[in-house]
Protein backbone atom coordinates (compact mmCIF):
# COMPACT_ATOMS: atom_id res chain seq x y z
CA MET A 1 87.97 72.70 86.02
CA ALA A 2 85.57 72.49 83.12
CA SER A 3 84.74 75.98 83.77
CA VAL A 4 88.17 77.53 83.88
CA GLU A 5 89.17 75.88 80.61
CA LYS A 6 86.10 77.35 78.91
CA GLU A 7 86.95 80.80 80.57
CA LEU A 8 90.55 80.87 79.55
CA GLY A 9 89.90 78.92 76.09
CA VAL A 10 92.03 76.32 76.56
CA ALA A 11 92.27 72.53 77.37
CA PHE A 12 94.46 71.26 80.20
CA HIS A 13 97.13 68.79 79.36
CA PRO A 14 96.12 65.61 80.94
CA ASP A 15 99.42 65.85 83.16
CA TYR A 16 98.41 69.23 84.63
CA ARG A 17 94.65 67.99 85.07
CA LYS A 18 95.88 65.14 87.36
CA PHE A 19 98.27 67.79 89.13
CA LEU A 20 94.96 69.84 89.99
CA LEU A 21 93.53 67.22 91.04
CA GLU A 22 95.77 65.21 93.38
CA ALA A 23 98.45 68.07 94.29
CA SER A 24 97.69 71.66 93.51
CA ASP A 25 96.72 72.30 97.49
CA VAL A 26 100.15 71.12 98.38
CA VAL A 27 102.30 74.29 99.90
CA LEU A 28 106.14 73.85 99.68
CA GLY A 29 108.73 76.58 99.60
CA THR A 30 108.18 79.88 97.96
CA LEU A 31 107.04 79.02 94.61
CA GLU A 32 103.70 78.73 94.43
CA PRO A 33 101.82 76.75 91.40
CA THR A 34 98.30 77.81 90.17
CA THR A 35 95.08 76.81 91.31
CA ILE A 36 91.83 76.71 90.01
CA SER A 37 89.71 77.56 93.03
CA PRO A 38 88.56 81.22 92.50
CA ASP A 39 88.62 81.74 96.34
CA SER A 40 92.66 80.79 96.23
CA GLY A 41 93.90 84.55 95.76
CA HIS A 42 96.94 85.49 93.79
CA THR A 43 97.66 81.64 92.66
CA TYR A 44 94.30 81.60 90.78
CA LEU A 45 94.88 80.63 87.47
CA VAL A 46 92.32 82.88 85.31
CA PRO A 47 93.48 86.58 86.55
CA LEU A 48 97.09 84.97 86.71
CA ALA A 49 97.10 83.46 82.87
CA LEU A 50 94.99 86.71 81.56
CA ASP A 51 97.74 89.17 83.12
CA ALA A 52 100.10 86.62 81.71
CA TRP A 53 99.10 86.63 78.39
CA LYS A 54 98.72 90.60 78.26
CA GLY A 55 102.40 90.78 79.58
CA GLY A 56 103.89 88.80 76.48
CA VAL A 57 103.49 85.23 77.38
CA PRO A 58 102.34 83.55 74.34
CA GLN A 59 98.55 82.27 74.17
CA GLY A 60 99.97 78.69 73.72
CA LEU A 61 101.41 78.57 77.05
CA LEU A 62 99.49 78.16 80.36
CA PRO A 63 101.17 79.50 83.27
CA ILE A 64 101.58 77.11 85.94
CA ALA A 65 103.49 79.10 88.56
CA GLU A 66 104.57 82.71 88.44
CA ASP A 67 108.15 83.75 90.02
CA ASN A 68 108.58 87.44 90.36
CA GLY A 69 107.02 88.53 86.77
CA ASN A 70 108.36 85.63 85.11
CA TYR A 71 106.31 82.30 84.34
CA TYR A 72 106.61 78.53 83.99
CA CYS A 73 104.33 77.61 81.71
CA MET A 74 102.85 74.38 79.96
CA ASN A 75 102.81 74.18 75.91
CA ASN A 76 100.08 71.27 74.78
CA ARG A 77 102.95 68.98 74.41
CA GLY A 78 103.03 68.50 78.10
CA GLU A 79 106.54 70.44 78.24
CA VAL A 80 107.17 73.09 80.92
CA VAL A 81 109.10 76.16 79.57
CA TYR A 82 110.32 79.18 81.77
CA TRP A 83 109.25 82.37 80.31
CA SER A 84 111.06 85.65 81.28
CA HIS A 85 109.65 89.35 81.02
CA ASP A 86 113.28 89.93 79.87
CA GLY A 87 112.57 87.69 76.69
CA ALA A 88 112.55 84.39 75.89
CA ALA A 89 114.55 81.76 78.28
CA GLU A 90 115.98 78.53 77.33
CA GLU A 91 114.99 76.68 80.20
CA LYS A 92 112.48 73.77 79.69
CA TRP A 93 111.73 70.39 81.14
CA ARG A 94 110.45 67.37 79.32
CA ASN A 95 107.22 67.09 81.04
CA LEU A 96 105.27 68.41 84.68
CA GLU A 97 106.69 65.39 86.84
CA SER A 98 110.50 66.59 85.48
CA TRP A 99 109.63 70.64 86.90
CA ILE A 100 107.78 69.40 89.88
CA ARG A 101 111.14 67.22 90.98
CA GLN A 102 113.46 70.01 89.41
CA VAL A 103 112.29 73.19 90.42
CA TRP A 104 109.18 72.98 92.62
CA ILE A 105 110.67 70.55 94.84
CA ARG A 106 114.63 70.47 94.66
CA GLY A 107 114.48 74.00 93.73
CA ARG A 108 116.72 75.34 90.99
């Protein structure tokens, strides 16, 4: 985990750390959260985050899931925000748990 943080130049929020340790290997529906295992393919956080940041996602947002060129991202306060490639979106969840329940588990 520390090597991925160092490579990206970020510190993971404690909620995201817990998620990575306890649930990042869960497969549920079509929305696939990012993972920190280099052999995880298209969900591997490092290239996904670098591509997102190159595509306009602000550096202060860490992508936790990609959805057709749009991203669900965590900010440094632990909120999850939706970033649309069409421009800023207003969708926000107060924490990772809310996002997991409302978006990842139940769908939008």
